[in-house]
Amino acid sequence: MASPEHDRQVTEAIRAETAHSFVHGGRIAAALGVTAGLGLGVVTVVSGDPFFRLPAVFAGVGAVASLLLSWTARRGALRGVTRYAVMLPLVSLPTGMFLVSHATLPAGAATYLTGPFLSLYAFLIVLSGFLLSFRLSVWAGVVVAVEYLGVFALAQPVLARVQTGDAALSTDLSSWPVALNRAGMFVAIGFATGGIARLVRRLVLRVTSEAREKAMVNRLFGQYVSEEARERIVSATAGLVGERVHAAVLFSDLRGFTTFSEQHPPEEVVARLNEYFETMVAAIHGEGGVVDKFIGDAVMATFGAVHPLDAPEQAAVRAALGMRAGLAALNTSWAAKGQATLDNGVGLHAGDVVVGPIGSEARKDFTVIGDTVNTASRLESQCKELGVHVVVSDEVYQRLLGEQRARFRALGEVAVKGRSRPVVVWGAD
């Protein structure tokens, strides 16, 4: 769930994007208003019909109002009561034209009230929705409804005298119930626009919250965890539970690293360890594995636990041999610089594991658990005693083919802590 601070940040981001849109939108609307005004003016001059004169003037007024909106947005002032102060003259533009016509034309407000300019009210209500405020859009709908009823009251006596020869048309022109119905429609448009604005706002909050979580996971785990694992970690926050899967588990540990750490400065220890891990992680990821965790100088990885692999045992063995080859290359480089070399051991076991978020409500780790994990760790600790660098269980060995299988030799059975029966193991250098 998004925090209040996150909601505040998202709100500010929404306001910034909305302001940016209104800056450019206001300029475009102003240009359209000027163009429309000039066009209507030309029509008035050419035709000699004064009907378009007042609309031409108000097109210019609309251009000025649009520039005011753009200027206000550019200053970042489209917030709080300022939004209402800016939207009021906008949604009232048709009302202004109707009132001016009422004061200057023989038919008064009725001159334009039944024409296309009435539809401008609905457009301006919808425009308020771009500020993503439910209250503002509802307020715009109510303002328009009240203003329309006021203008209709001025025009109704003239409209009532219009002779149409059609009772239904006469009722549509001058009936108060019809006018009240139109006013109700304006209010309904305000509510609908506000509802959509509220929905969009919630969707933005949800999407940005998920994006923030993914970004956090990428920052925390991006260097060591595959894309699939990051997706599963994000899913874990949405209620993912543990599931049982078949996987191969790899444990690797540096030998004598405690002594190395005691004999070298902390800065060199960290630098060497990071260089070592870069190589080990590359070998693991290269075979589709996922680094589960680092434990001091040890690394635990899984194959087939987070995302499926056709042959997880074979992938794990290729990764283990790749880790050994990578360490050999590092040692050659370190020796050439006069630096001490390092050695490691790798243990592999395969079987069922439980993968998912493990921990308390306060903190969870996305990891794998089970006897397979424990056995892989125990086998890694057997490397030194058995005189090899890679130890695999028989469960892993039996899934190997051709050259991979030929790399290993039988080491017999070993007692593994926590298991009632010894484990048949195979080893390679």
Protein backbone atom coordinates (compact mmCIF):
# COMPACT_ATOMS: atom_id res chain seq x y z
CA MET A 1 0.00 0.00 0.00
CA ALA A 2 1.29 3.45 -0.88
CA SER A 3 2.42 5.61 2.02
CA PRO A 4 1.03 9.13 2.66
CA GLU A 5 4.40 10.53 1.63
CA HIS A 6 4.25 8.59 -1.61
CA ASP A 7 0.69 9.81 -2.25
CA ARG A 8 1.89 13.36 -1.71
CA GLN A 9 4.76 12.89 -4.15
CA VAL A 10 2.44 11.38 -6.73
CA THR A 11 -0.04 14.23 -6.25
CA GLU A 12 2.72 16.73 -6.89
CA ALA A 13 3.81 14.79 -9.96
CA ILE A 14 0.22 14.76 -11.24
CA ARG A 15 -0.06 18.49 -10.67
CA ALA A 16 3.20 19.10 -12.49
CA GLU A 17 2.15 17.01 -15.49
CA THR A 18 -1.31 18.60 -15.53
CA ALA A 19 0.21 22.07 -15.37
CA HIS A 20 2.56 21.20 -18.22
CA SER A 21 -0.38 20.00 -20.30
CA PHE A 22 -2.43 23.12 -19.57
CA VAL A 23 0.51 25.39 -20.43
CA HIS A 24 0.63 23.99 -23.95
CA GLY A 25 -3.10 23.29 -24.16
CA GLY A 26 -3.91 26.86 -23.15
CA ARG A 27 -1.67 28.22 -25.88
CA ILE A 28 -3.26 25.94 -28.47
CA ALA A 29 -6.76 26.92 -27.29
CA ALA A 30 -5.78 30.59 -27.47
CA ALA A 31 -4.56 30.12 -31.04
CA LEU A 32 -7.80 28.35 -31.94
CA GLY A 33 -9.82 31.14 -30.31
CA VAL A 34 -7.99 33.80 -32.30
CA THR A 35 -8.40 31.80 -35.50
CA ALA A 36 -12.11 31.22 -34.84
CA GLY A 37 -12.63 34.88 -33.98
CA LEU A 38 -10.93 36.05 -37.14
CA GLY A 39 -12.86 33.50 -39.20
CA LEU A 40 -16.20 34.56 -37.76
CA GLY A 41 -15.23 38.19 -38.27
CA VAL A 42 -14.50 37.55 -41.92
CA VAL A 43 -17.84 35.75 -42.30
CA THR A 44 -19.61 38.71 -40.69
CA VAL A 45 -17.97 41.21 -43.02
CA VAL A 46 -18.47 39.13 -46.17
CA SER A 47 -22.06 38.10 -45.45
CA GLY A 48 -23.14 41.27 -43.71
CA ASP A 49 -24.98 39.05 -41.20
CA PRO A 50 -24.46 40.37 -37.64
CA PHE A 51 -25.31 36.94 -36.17
CA PHE A 52 -21.63 35.96 -36.05
CA ARG A 53 -20.36 39.26 -34.65
CA LEU A 54 -20.85 38.46 -30.97
CA PRO A 55 -19.50 34.89 -31.25
CA ALA A 56 -16.42 36.35 -32.96
CA VAL A 57 -15.87 38.68 -30.01
CA PHE A 58 -16.29 35.89 -27.49
CA ALA A 59 -13.91 33.66 -29.42
CA GLY A 60 -11.35 36.37 -28.72
CA VAL A 61 -12.41 36.48 -25.07
CA GLY A 62 -11.95 32.71 -24.95
CA ALA A 63 -8.45 33.12 -26.36
CA VAL A 64 -7.60 35.56 -23.57
CA ALA A 65 -9.04 33.20 -20.95
CA SER A 66 -6.98 30.35 -22.42
CA LEU A 67 -3.82 32.44 -22.18
CA LEU A 68 -4.69 33.20 -18.56
CA LEU A 69 -5.03 29.46 -17.92
CA SER A 70 -1.67 28.80 -19.60
CA TRP A 71 0.02 31.55 -17.57
CA THR A 72 -1.46 30.28 -14.31
CA ALA A 73 -0.37 26.73 -15.08
CA ARG A 74 3.17 27.86 -15.98
CA ARG A 75 3.45 29.53 -12.57
CA GLY A 76 2.42 26.26 -10.90
CA ALA A 77 -0.62 27.92 -9.35
CA LEU A 78 -3.24 25.41 -10.52
CA ARG A 79 -3.93 24.15 -7.02
CA GLY A 80 -6.34 24.78 -4.17
CA VAL A 81 -8.90 27.52 -4.65
CA THR A 82 -6.93 28.90 -7.59
CA ARG A 83 -8.23 26.03 -9.72
CA TYR A 84 -11.79 27.15 -9.00
CA ALA A 85 -10.95 30.80 -9.69
CA VAL A 86 -9.43 29.88 -13.04
CA MET A 87 -12.15 27.46 -14.11
CA LEU A 88 -15.02 29.82 -13.19
CA PRO A 89 -14.49 32.28 -16.07
CA LEU A 90 -13.86 29.38 -18.44
CA VAL A 91 -17.07 27.50 -17.72
CA SER A 92 -18.92 30.84 -17.65
CA LEU A 93 -17.85 31.90 -21.15
CA PRO A 94 -21.15 30.83 -22.77
CA THR A 95 -23.06 32.55 -19.98
CA GLY A 96 -21.18 35.77 -20.66
CA MET A 97 -22.07 35.62 -24.33
CA PHE A 98 -25.74 34.93 -23.54
CA LEU A 99 -25.87 37.85 -21.11
CA VAL A 100 -24.24 40.26 -23.54
CA SER A 101 -26.65 39.16 -26.27
CA HIS A 102 -29.52 39.71 -23.85
CA ALA A 103 -28.37 43.27 -23.26
CA THR A 104 -27.65 44.16 -26.88
CA LEU A 105 -29.85 42.13 -29.22
CA PRO A 106 -33.61 42.36 -29.83
CA ALA A 107 -34.28 38.70 -28.97
CA GLY A 108 -31.99 38.89 -25.97
CA ALA A 109 -30.52 35.70 -24.50
CA ALA A 110 -32.78 33.59 -26.70
CA THR A 111 -30.68 34.54 -29.75
CA TYR A 112 -27.96 31.96 -29.13
CA LEU A 113 -29.36 29.83 -26.30
CA THR A 114 -30.78 27.14 -28.58
CA GLY A 115 -27.76 27.05 -30.88
CA PRO A 116 -24.46 25.17 -30.83
CA PHE A 117 -23.00 27.44 -28.17
CA LEU A 118 -25.07 25.63 -25.54
CA SER A 119 -22.93 22.54 -26.16
CA LEU A 120 -19.86 24.56 -25.13
CA TYR A 121 -21.03 24.19 -21.52
CA ALA A 122 -20.59 20.41 -21.65
CA PHE A 123 -17.16 20.69 -23.28
CA LEU A 124 -15.91 23.03 -20.56
CA ILE A 125 -17.19 20.74 -17.80
CA VAL A 126 -15.25 17.86 -19.36
CA LEU A 127 -12.19 20.13 -19.61
CA SER A 128 -12.22 20.51 -15.82
CA GLY A 129 -11.67 16.76 -15.52
CA PHE A 130 -8.08 17.14 -16.70
CA LEU A 131 -7.27 18.58 -13.29
CA LEU A 132 -8.17 15.14 -11.84
CA SER A 133 -10.37 16.57 -9.09
CA PHE A 134 -13.77 15.05 -8.42
CA ARG A 135 -14.97 18.06 -6.46
CA LEU A 136 -13.84 20.53 -9.10
CA SER A 137 -15.70 18.74 -11.89
CA VAL A 138 -18.88 18.42 -9.83
CA TRP A 139 -18.59 22.09 -8.91
CA ALA A 140 -18.20 22.98 -12.60
CA GLY A 141 -21.34 20.98 -13.44
CA VAL A 142 -23.36 22.72 -10.72
CA VAL A 143 -22.12 26.19 -11.74
CA VAL A 144 -23.05 25.55 -15.36
CA ALA A 145 -26.49 24.23 -14.37
CA VAL A 146 -27.25 27.28 -12.22
CA GLU A 147 -25.98 29.73 -14.85
CA TYR A 148 -27.93 28.00 -17.59
CA LEU A 149 -31.16 28.17 -15.59
CA GLY A 150 -30.54 31.86 -14.97
CA VAL A 151 -30.01 32.54 -18.66
CA PHE A 152 -33.04 30.42 -19.55
CA ALA A 153 -35.16 32.50 -17.19
CA LEU A 154 -34.15 35.59 -19.19
CA ALA A 155 -34.77 33.92 -22.55
CA GLN A 156 -37.94 31.98 -21.69
CA PRO A 157 -40.46 34.80 -22.35
CA VAL A 158 -39.08 35.28 -25.87
CA LEU A 159 -38.85 31.54 -26.54
CA ALA A 160 -42.44 31.08 -25.39
CA ARG A 161 -43.62 33.49 -28.13
CA VAL A 162 -41.92 31.54 -30.90
CA GLN A 163 -44.54 30.04 -33.21
CA THR A 164 -43.39 26.63 -34.44
CA GLY A 165 -46.61 24.87 -35.35
CA ASP A 166 -45.30 21.85 -33.42
CA ALA A 167 -46.34 21.46 -29.78
CA ALA A 168 -43.40 19.20 -28.96
CA LEU A 169 -40.89 21.65 -30.44
CA SER A 170 -42.49 24.57 -28.61
CA THR A 171 -42.26 22.62 -25.35
CA ASP A 172 -38.61 21.82 -26.02
CA LEU A 173 -37.85 25.51 -26.59
CA SER A 174 -39.61 27.10 -23.65
CA SER A 175 -40.66 24.50 -21.06
CA TRP A 176 -39.18 24.79 -17.58
CA PRO A 177 -39.23 20.99 -17.03
CA VAL A 178 -37.10 20.61 -20.16
CA ALA A 179 -34.74 23.33 -18.95
CA LEU A 180 -34.47 21.67 -15.55
CA ASN A 181 -33.71 18.39 -17.31
CA ARG A 182 -30.86 20.05 -19.25
CA ALA A 183 -29.54 21.55 -16.05
CA GLY A 184 -29.65 18.11 -14.44
CA MET A 185 -27.69 16.73 -17.40
CA PHE A 186 -24.98 19.34 -16.83
CA VAL A 187 -24.74 18.26 -13.18
CA ALA A 188 -24.64 14.62 -14.28
CA ILE A 189 -21.80 15.41 -16.70
CA GLY A 190 -19.95 17.01 -13.81
CA PHE A 191 -20.38 13.91 -11.66
CA ALA A 192 -19.39 11.59 -14.53
CA THR A 193 -16.32 13.67 -15.35
CA GLY A 194 -15.37 13.81 -11.67
CA GLY A 195 -15.83 10.06 -11.33
CA ILE A 196 -13.54 9.41 -14.29
CA ALA A 197 -11.02 11.88 -12.88
CA ARG A 198 -11.08 10.09 -9.52
CA LEU A 199 -10.63 6.71 -11.22
CA VAL A 200 -7.70 7.98 -13.28
CA ARG A 201 -6.11 9.42 -10.16
CA ARG A 202 -6.43 6.10 -8.33
CA LEU A 203 -4.99 4.23 -11.29
CA VAL A 204 -2.07 6.63 -11.41
CA LEU A 205 -1.45 6.11 -7.70
CA ARG A 206 -1.57 2.34 -8.12
CA VAL A 207 0.65 2.27 -11.18
CA THR A 208 3.22 4.60 -9.68
CA SER A 209 3.18 2.61 -6.44
CA GLU A 210 3.91 -0.60 -8.36
CA ALA A 211 6.56 1.19 -10.40
CA ARG A 212 8.16 2.45 -7.19
CA GLU A 213 8.22 -1.08 -5.75
CA LYS A 214 9.75 -2.47 -8.92
CA ALA A 215 12.33 0.31 -8.98
CA MET A 216 13.18 -0.42 -5.35
CA VAL A 217 13.62 -4.11 -6.12
CA ASN A 218 15.77 -3.24 -9.11
CA ARG A 219 17.97 -1.00 -6.99
CA LEU A 220 18.31 -3.55 -4.22
CA PHE A 221 18.62 -6.73 -6.25
CA GLY A 222 19.29 -5.69 -9.83
CA GLN A 223 22.99 -6.51 -9.70
CA TYR A 224 22.56 -10.03 -8.41
CA VAL A 225 19.06 -11.25 -9.19
CA SER A 226 17.56 -12.10 -12.56
CA GLU A 227 14.63 -10.22 -14.04
CA GLU A 228 12.37 -13.19 -13.33
CA ALA A 229 13.35 -13.19 -9.67
CA ARG A 230 12.67 -9.48 -9.39
CA GLU A 231 9.20 -10.04 -10.83
CA ARG A 232 8.56 -12.78 -8.30
CA ILE A 233 9.77 -10.54 -5.46
CA VAL A 234 7.36 -7.82 -6.56
CA SER A 235 4.59 -10.42 -6.81
CA ALA A 236 5.33 -11.50 -3.27
CA THR A 237 4.11 -8.13 -2.04
CA ALA A 238 0.78 -8.87 -3.70
CA GLY A 239 0.12 -11.99 -1.64
CA LEU A 240 2.28 -14.67 -3.28
CA VAL A 241 2.55 -17.74 -1.05
CA GLY A 242 5.18 -20.44 -0.96
CA GLU A 243 5.00 -23.20 -3.56
CA ARG A 244 6.77 -26.53 -3.94
CA VAL A 245 8.93 -26.94 -7.05
CA HIS A 246 11.74 -29.17 -8.25
CA ALA A 247 15.07 -27.34 -8.40
CA ALA A 248 18.82 -27.70 -8.17
CA VAL A 249 20.54 -25.79 -5.36
CA LEU A 250 24.16 -24.62 -5.46
CA PHE A 251 26.32 -23.57 -2.53
CA SER A 252 29.81 -22.15 -2.95
CA ASP A 253 32.22 -21.00 -0.27
CA LEU A 254 35.73 -19.56 -0.28
CA ARG A 255 38.38 -21.56 1.52
CA GLY A 256 40.63 -19.82 4.01
CA PHE A 257 38.96 -16.48 3.47
CA THR A 258 38.84 -15.74 7.20
CA THR A 259 42.63 -15.92 7.33
CA PHE A 260 42.85 -13.80 4.18
CA SER A 261 40.59 -11.19 5.78
CA GLU A 262 42.77 -11.04 8.89
CA GLN A 263 45.92 -10.48 6.84
CA HIS A 264 44.68 -7.75 4.49
CA PRO A 265 43.14 -4.28 4.91
CA PRO A 266 39.31 -4.17 4.92
CA GLU A 267 39.28 -2.12 1.71
CA GLU A 268 41.24 -4.79 -0.16
CA VAL A 269 39.09 -7.55 1.30
CA VAL A 270 35.90 -5.89 0.09
CA ALA A 271 37.35 -5.11 -3.33
CA ARG A 272 38.58 -8.68 -3.84
CA LEU A 273 35.30 -10.16 -2.62
CA ASN A 274 33.28 -7.95 -4.96
CA GLU A 275 35.51 -8.91 -7.89
CA TYR A 276 35.09 -12.57 -7.01
CA PHE A 277 31.31 -12.29 -6.69
CA GLU A 278 31.04 -10.50 -10.05
CA THR A 279 32.60 -13.52 -11.72
CA MET A 280 30.58 -16.07 -9.76
CA VAL A 281 27.29 -14.29 -10.39
CA ALA A 282 28.03 -14.02 -14.10
CA ALA A 283 28.56 -17.78 -14.27
CA ILE A 284 25.29 -18.43 -12.41
CA HIS A 285 23.19 -16.02 -14.43
CA GLY A 286 24.72 -17.29 -17.64
CA GLU A 287 23.07 -20.66 -17.03
CA GLY A 288 19.68 -19.32 -15.98
CA GLY A 289 20.36 -19.53 -12.26
CA VAL A 290 19.23 -17.10 -9.60
CA VAL A 291 21.39 -15.89 -6.74
CA ASP A 292 19.33 -16.45 -3.62
CA LYS A 293 21.67 -14.83 -1.12
CA PHE A 294 25.22 -14.06 -0.08
CA ILE A 295 26.33 -15.31 3.31
CA GLY A 296 29.67 -13.69 4.05
CA ASP A 297 31.97 -15.08 1.36
CA ALA A 298 29.49 -17.85 0.44
CA VAL A 299 26.90 -17.71 -2.31
CA MET A 300 23.69 -19.69 -2.65
CA ALA A 301 21.95 -20.04 -6.00
CA THR A 302 18.98 -21.96 -7.38
CA PHE A 303 18.19 -23.38 -10.80
CA GLY A 304 14.57 -23.94 -11.71
CA ALA A 305 13.12 -22.57 -8.47
CA VAL A 306 12.18 -19.04 -9.53
CA HIS A 307 11.59 -19.73 -13.20
CA PRO A 308 11.43 -23.13 -14.90
CA LEU A 309 14.43 -24.71 -16.63
CA ASP A 310 14.34 -27.77 -18.87
CA ALA A 311 17.30 -29.39 -17.08
CA PRO A 312 18.12 -27.54 -13.85
CA GLU A 313 20.73 -30.11 -12.75
CA GLN A 314 22.70 -29.74 -15.97
CA ALA A 315 22.45 -25.94 -15.80
CA ALA A 316 23.68 -25.98 -12.18
CA VAL A 317 26.68 -28.17 -13.08
CA ARG A 318 27.59 -25.94 -16.01
CA ALA A 319 27.42 -22.95 -13.66
CA ALA A 320 29.60 -24.70 -11.06
CA LEU A 321 32.25 -25.58 -13.65
CA GLY A 322 32.00 -22.05 -15.01
CA MET A 323 32.59 -20.67 -11.53
CA ARG A 324 35.70 -22.80 -11.19
CA ALA A 325 36.97 -21.63 -14.59
CA GLY A 326 36.20 -18.02 -13.68
CA LEU A 327 38.11 -18.29 -10.40
CA ALA A 328 41.09 -19.80 -12.25
CA ALA A 329 41.15 -16.75 -14.52
CA LEU A 330 40.93 -14.43 -11.52
CA ASN A 331 43.77 -16.22 -9.79
CA THR A 332 45.95 -15.85 -12.88
CA SER A 333 45.21 -12.12 -12.92
CA TRP A 334 45.80 -11.73 -9.18
CA ALA A 335 49.04 -13.73 -9.26
CA ALA A 336 50.35 -11.52 -12.07
CA LYS A 337 49.80 -8.53 -9.78
CA GLY A 338 51.53 -10.23 -6.88
CA GLN A 339 48.25 -10.71 -5.01
CA ALA A 340 47.26 -13.80 -3.07
CA THR A 341 45.07 -16.31 -4.88
CA LEU A 342 41.83 -17.78 -3.57
CA ASP A 343 40.15 -21.18 -3.69
CA ASN A 344 36.56 -22.30 -3.34
CA GLY A 345 34.33 -25.35 -3.15
CA VAL A 346 30.91 -25.97 -4.72
CA GLY A 347 28.16 -28.32 -3.54
CA LEU A 348 25.08 -29.28 -5.57
CA HIS A 349 21.93 -31.17 -4.74
CA ALA A 350 18.52 -31.43 -6.45
CA GLY A 351 15.03 -32.12 -5.22
CA ASP A 352 11.84 -30.45 -4.07
CA VAL A 353 12.11 -27.03 -2.44
CA VAL A 354 9.60 -24.49 -1.17
CA VAL A 355 10.03 -21.08 -2.81
CA GLY A 356 8.33 -17.88 -1.73
CA PRO A 357 8.37 -15.01 0.78
CA ILE A 358 9.59 -16.28 4.15
CA GLY A 359 9.56 -14.20 7.32
CA SER A 360 7.36 -11.96 9.44
CA GLU A 361 4.97 -9.20 8.47
CA ALA A 362 7.72 -6.69 9.26
CA ARG A 363 10.33 -8.35 7.05
CA LYS A 364 10.30 -11.13 4.47
CA ASP A 365 12.98 -12.72 2.34
CA PHE A 366 12.16 -14.23 -1.02
CA THR A 367 14.06 -17.50 -0.74
CA VAL A 368 13.95 -21.28 -0.99
CA ILE A 369 13.89 -23.69 1.95
CA GLY A 370 13.81 -27.42 2.49
CA ASP A 371 15.98 -30.50 2.89
CA THR A 372 17.41 -30.00 -0.60
CA VAL A 373 18.87 -26.66 0.46
CA ASN A 374 20.36 -28.07 3.66
CA THR A 375 21.89 -31.03 1.81
CA ALA A 376 23.50 -28.81 -0.83
CA SER A 377 25.09 -26.75 1.93
CA ARG A 378 26.41 -29.89 3.68
CA LEU A 379 27.86 -31.23 0.43
CA GLU A 380 29.78 -28.01 -0.16
CA SER A 381 31.39 -28.41 3.26
CA GLN A 382 32.55 -31.90 2.22
CA CYS A 383 34.66 -30.62 -0.68
CA LYS A 384 37.87 -30.21 1.30
CA GLU A 385 37.57 -33.56 3.09
CA LEU A 386 36.90 -35.38 -0.18
CA GLY A 387 39.76 -33.63 -1.99
CA VAL A 388 37.66 -32.14 -4.82
CA HIS A 389 36.31 -28.72 -5.70
CA VAL A 390 32.84 -29.71 -6.89
CA VAL A 391 30.63 -32.24 -5.09
CA VAL A 392 27.28 -33.31 -6.47
CA SER A 393 24.71 -35.70 -5.09
CA ASP A 394 23.61 -38.78 -6.99
CA GLU A 395 20.28 -37.00 -7.66
CA VAL A 396 22.24 -34.45 -9.69
CA TYR A 397 24.66 -36.90 -11.27
CA GLN A 398 21.91 -39.15 -12.65
CA ARG A 399 20.53 -36.21 -14.65
CA LEU A 400 23.86 -35.46 -16.34
CA LEU A 401 24.72 -36.55 -19.88
CA GLY A 402 27.82 -37.23 -21.94
CA GLU A 403 30.77 -34.95 -21.26
CA GLN A 404 29.23 -33.53 -18.09
CA ARG A 405 28.86 -36.96 -16.55
CA ALA A 406 32.41 -37.91 -17.63
CA ARG A 407 33.81 -35.00 -15.59
CA PHE A 408 32.79 -36.64 -12.32
CA ARG A 409 34.11 -39.63 -10.45
CA ALA A 410 32.46 -41.66 -7.72
CA LEU A 411 33.32 -40.67 -4.16
CA GLY A 412 31.12 -43.19 -2.37
CA GLU A 413 28.77 -42.28 0.42
CA VAL A 414 29.05 -39.49 2.96
CA ALA A 415 27.13 -38.89 6.16
CA VAL A 416 25.23 -35.65 6.01
CA LYS A 417 24.02 -33.96 9.17
CA GLY A 418 20.24 -33.95 9.35
CA ARG A 419 19.75 -36.96 7.07
CA SER A 420 19.19 -40.49 8.39
CA ARG A 421 20.83 -42.10 5.37
CA PRO A 422 24.21 -41.37 3.79
CA VAL A 423 24.31 -39.52 0.50
CA VAL A 424 25.94 -40.95 -2.61
CA VAL A 425 28.23 -38.27 -4.01
CA TRP A 426 30.36 -37.58 -7.09
CA GLY A 427 33.24 -35.16 -7.43
CA ALA A 428 35.12 -33.06 -9.98
CA ASP A 429 37.96 -30.54 -9.95
